[in-house]
Amino acid sequence: MGTCRPLTRLELPIDTASLARYLIGKRLVRELPEGTASGRIVETEAYVIGDAAGHAYRGMTERNHSLFLEPGHAYVYVAYGISSMLNVTSELSGIGAGVLIRAIEPLEGIPIMQLNRGIERLRDLARGPGRLTAALRVDHRLDGLDLCQQGPLWLGQDDQEVGDIGQSVRIGITKDADRLLRCYLRGSPFVSGRRSLNA
């Protein structure tokens, strides 16, 4: 598996689209009572400053205040009353923008993820943002968490080569839908979305 160290805040690009690309190939690590579960990030979406599809578009609220923290914090919200979505804050403190983590390639603690999801098929464990958070047991209790230090959930770097990164439009939105703000690892079977988006 190789050694994995936490990313430092200084390593994160302070630009949302750049961060979405930078996070491809990095590790997402979840520390749970029964062990560690982690995976390689293979798909992200940027929700940039002034983005009509972003939660910060109408300003800071009680619900989205974590999105306005300095880079490298978790913004976790519930979509459609069902699935938690994990985002990484991306701009200077007070500016609302973030990167949605859409999929990971499971690497460590796979039995834990299988139990959390209630399925065994490796490819489907964390392919999609709601599946990912279910597999890693990420929910609103982790909202606002600093992801740049070891703790319940953190971002890591290992010695693995990243590979070829593609870009496409984002998935499942109607506002600002034509912007190429989704990044993915080309050739990864763990990326979500239809095949035409993942060429």
Protein backbone atom coordinates (compact mmCIF):
# COMPACT_ATOMS: atom_id res chain seq x y z
CA MET A 1 0.00 0.00 0.00
CA GLY A 2 2.99 2.29 0.53
CA THR A 3 3.35 5.04 3.08
CA CYS A 4 0.70 7.75 3.22
CA ARG A 5 1.10 11.12 4.89
CA PRO A 6 -1.46 13.89 5.43
CA LEU A 7 -1.55 16.67 2.86
CA THR A 8 -0.61 20.03 4.32
CA ARG A 9 -2.74 23.10 3.73
CA LEU A 10 0.18 24.81 2.01
CA GLU A 11 0.20 22.05 -0.64
CA LEU A 12 -3.39 22.73 -1.67
CA PRO A 13 -3.84 25.09 -4.63
CA ILE A 14 -6.03 28.04 -3.60
CA ASP A 15 -8.21 27.79 -6.69
CA THR A 16 -11.22 25.52 -6.87
CA ALA A 17 -10.75 24.15 -10.40
CA SER A 18 -7.05 23.55 -9.72
CA LEU A 19 -7.85 21.75 -6.47
CA ALA A 20 -10.33 19.46 -8.24
CA ARG A 21 -7.52 18.34 -10.54
CA TYR A 22 -4.91 18.22 -7.77
CA LEU A 23 -7.01 15.86 -5.62
CA ILE A 24 -7.12 13.16 -8.32
CA GLY A 25 -4.78 10.40 -7.18
CA LYS A 26 -4.68 11.57 -3.57
CA ARG A 27 -5.89 9.35 -0.72
CA LEU A 28 -9.05 9.80 1.33
CA VAL A 29 -8.56 8.12 4.71
CA ARG A 30 -11.30 7.29 7.23
CA GLU A 31 -10.36 6.20 10.73
CA LEU A 32 -13.12 4.08 12.28
CA PRO A 33 -13.33 2.17 15.58
CA GLU A 34 -12.96 -1.13 13.72
CA GLY A 35 -10.04 0.01 11.56
CA THR A 36 -8.89 2.27 8.75
CA ALA A 37 -10.67 2.46 5.39
CA SER A 38 -9.15 4.43 2.54
CA GLY A 39 -9.16 4.87 -1.20
CA ARG A 40 -7.59 6.77 -4.05
CA ILE A 41 -9.64 9.74 -5.27
CA VAL A 42 -10.50 9.11 -8.94
CA GLU A 43 -13.28 11.67 -9.58
CA THR A 44 -14.02 15.21 -8.41
CA GLU A 45 -16.19 18.18 -9.35
CA ALA A 46 -15.34 21.84 -8.79
CA TYR A 47 -17.98 24.32 -7.59
CA VAL A 48 -16.14 27.56 -8.20
CA ILE A 49 -16.62 31.15 -6.98
CA GLY A 50 -19.89 32.58 -8.32
CA ASP A 51 -21.05 29.17 -9.56
CA ALA A 52 -24.84 29.10 -9.94
CA ALA A 53 -24.77 25.36 -9.18
CA GLY A 54 -22.78 25.85 -5.96
CA HIS A 55 -24.15 26.06 -2.44
CA ALA A 56 -22.32 29.35 -1.80
CA TYR A 57 -24.06 31.17 -4.66
CA ARG A 58 -26.50 33.04 -2.41
CA GLY A 59 -24.00 33.66 0.39
CA MET A 60 -23.26 32.15 3.77
CA THR A 61 -26.05 30.49 5.74
CA GLU A 62 -26.24 28.33 8.85
CA ARG A 63 -26.35 25.28 6.57
CA ASN A 64 -23.34 26.09 4.37
CA HIS A 65 -21.01 28.01 6.70
CA SER A 66 -18.36 25.25 6.57
CA LEU A 67 -17.98 25.91 2.84
CA PHE A 68 -16.50 29.32 3.72
CA LEU A 69 -13.64 27.92 5.86
CA GLU A 70 -10.01 28.06 4.69
CA PRO A 71 -8.91 25.38 2.19
CA GLY A 72 -8.84 21.74 3.23
CA HIS A 73 -11.93 21.50 5.44
CA ALA A 74 -14.89 19.18 5.01
CA TYR A 75 -18.24 20.52 3.90
CA VAL A 76 -20.77 17.70 4.29
CA TYR A 77 -24.42 18.08 3.36
CA VAL A 78 -27.34 15.74 2.71
CA ALA A 79 -28.67 15.60 -0.86
CA TYR A 80 -32.34 14.79 -1.51
CA GLY A 81 -32.74 13.91 2.18
CA ILE A 82 -30.86 10.65 1.63
CA SER A 83 -27.15 10.75 0.76
CA SER A 84 -24.31 12.66 2.39
CA MET A 85 -22.00 14.53 0.02
CA LEU A 86 -18.37 15.23 0.93
CA ASN A 87 -16.73 18.42 -0.33
CA VAL A 88 -13.31 19.95 0.31
CA THR A 89 -13.20 23.72 0.82
CA SER A 90 -10.98 25.39 -1.74
CA GLU A 91 -10.60 29.17 -1.42
CA LEU A 92 -9.41 31.66 1.16
CA SER A 93 -11.36 31.89 4.41
CA GLY A 94 -14.65 33.73 3.88
CA ILE A 95 -14.97 32.76 0.20
CA GLY A 96 -17.46 29.97 -0.44
CA ALA A 97 -16.35 27.33 -2.95
CA GLY A 98 -15.46 23.67 -2.85
CA VAL A 99 -14.67 20.40 -4.57
CA LEU A 100 -17.11 17.47 -4.41
CA ILE A 101 -15.39 14.10 -4.01
CA ARG A 102 -17.36 11.88 -6.40
CA ALA A 103 -15.53 8.54 -6.33
CA ILE A 104 -12.61 6.63 -4.87
CA GLU A 105 -10.84 3.41 -5.72
CA PRO A 106 -11.03 1.33 -2.51
CA LEU A 107 -7.57 0.38 -1.23
CA GLU A 108 -7.68 -0.31 2.51
CA GLY A 109 -10.36 -1.59 4.84
CA ILE A 110 -12.40 -3.05 1.98
CA PRO A 111 -14.33 -5.46 4.28
CA ILE A 112 -15.36 -2.44 6.38
CA MET A 113 -16.66 -0.66 3.28
CA GLN A 114 -18.49 -3.78 2.11
CA LEU A 115 -20.21 -4.08 5.48
CA ASN A 116 -21.12 -0.37 5.49
CA ARG A 117 -22.60 -0.62 1.98
CA GLY A 118 -24.12 -4.09 2.31
CA ILE A 119 -22.57 -5.16 -1.00
CA GLU A 120 -19.43 -7.05 -2.01
CA ARG A 121 -18.71 -5.87 -5.56
CA LEU A 122 -15.51 -3.83 -5.33
CA ARG A 123 -16.23 -1.61 -8.34
CA ASP A 124 -19.51 -0.33 -6.87
CA LEU A 125 -18.39 0.26 -3.28
CA ALA A 126 -17.52 3.95 -3.66
CA ARG A 127 -18.35 4.82 -7.28
CA GLY A 128 -20.49 7.92 -6.86
CA PRO A 129 -20.60 10.55 -4.09
CA GLY A 130 -23.40 8.97 -2.03
CA ARG A 131 -21.90 5.49 -2.24
CA LEU A 132 -18.51 6.87 -1.22
CA THR A 133 -19.82 8.51 1.95
CA ALA A 134 -21.87 5.41 2.84
CA ALA A 135 -18.81 3.16 2.38
CA LEU A 136 -16.68 5.40 4.61
CA ARG A 137 -19.49 6.27 7.03
CA VAL A 138 -19.17 10.00 6.39
CA ASP A 139 -22.08 12.10 7.59
CA HIS A 140 -22.93 15.61 8.84
CA ARG A 141 -21.05 15.00 12.09
CA LEU A 142 -17.81 15.45 10.11
CA ASP A 143 -18.92 18.79 8.63
CA GLY A 144 -16.24 21.44 9.18
CA LEU A 145 -13.50 18.91 10.00
CA ASP A 146 -9.90 19.83 9.12
CA LEU A 147 -8.84 17.30 6.48
CA CYS A 148 -5.18 18.40 6.56
CA GLN A 149 -4.33 16.55 9.74
CA GLN A 150 -4.77 12.97 10.86
CA GLY A 151 -8.11 12.42 12.52
CA PRO A 152 -11.46 10.78 11.77
CA LEU A 153 -11.17 11.75 8.08
CA TRP A 154 -8.14 13.14 6.26
CA LEU A 155 -6.52 13.69 2.87
CA GLY A 156 -3.26 11.90 2.17
CA GLN A 157 -0.44 11.63 -0.32
CA ASP A 158 1.43 8.44 -1.18
CA ASP A 159 4.11 7.56 -3.72
CA GLN A 160 1.76 6.27 -6.44
CA GLU A 161 1.89 7.89 -9.89
CA VAL A 162 -1.33 9.75 -10.68
CA GLY A 163 -1.97 8.77 -14.32
CA ASP A 164 -3.87 10.61 -17.06
CA ILE A 165 -6.53 13.05 -15.84
CA GLY A 166 -9.57 13.86 -17.98
CA GLN A 167 -12.11 16.69 -17.76
CA SER A 168 -15.82 16.83 -18.54
CA VAL A 169 -19.04 18.61 -17.67
CA ARG A 170 -20.43 17.94 -14.21
CA ILE A 171 -23.07 15.31 -13.49
CA GLY A 172 -26.67 15.83 -12.39
CA ILE A 173 -26.87 19.63 -12.42
CA THR A 174 -28.91 22.09 -14.49
CA LYS A 175 -27.26 25.44 -13.68
CA ASP A 176 -23.87 26.23 -15.26
CA ALA A 177 -24.07 22.68 -16.62
CA ASP A 178 -21.80 23.19 -19.63
CA ARG A 179 -18.62 24.04 -17.68
CA LEU A 180 -15.77 21.52 -17.77
CA LEU A 181 -15.32 21.34 -14.01
CA ARG A 182 -15.34 17.57 -13.45
CA CYS A 183 -12.00 15.77 -13.25
CA TYR A 184 -11.50 12.01 -13.40
CA LEU A 185 -8.77 9.42 -13.70
CA ARG A 186 -8.88 8.10 -17.25
CA GLY A 187 -9.23 4.33 -17.51
CA SER A 188 -10.35 3.86 -13.90
CA PRO A 189 -13.27 1.41 -13.51
CA PHE A 190 -14.15 3.19 -10.25
CA VAL A 191 -15.22 6.46 -11.92
CA SER A 192 -18.97 7.18 -11.98
CA GLY A 193 -21.05 8.62 -14.80
CA ARG A 194 -21.88 7.45 -18.27
CA ARG A 195 -19.14 6.09 -20.51
CA SER A 196 -19.28 9.02 -22.93
CA LEU A 197 -18.14 11.39 -20.14
CA ASN A 198 -15.14 9.24 -19.24
CA ALA A 199 -13.28 8.96 -22.54
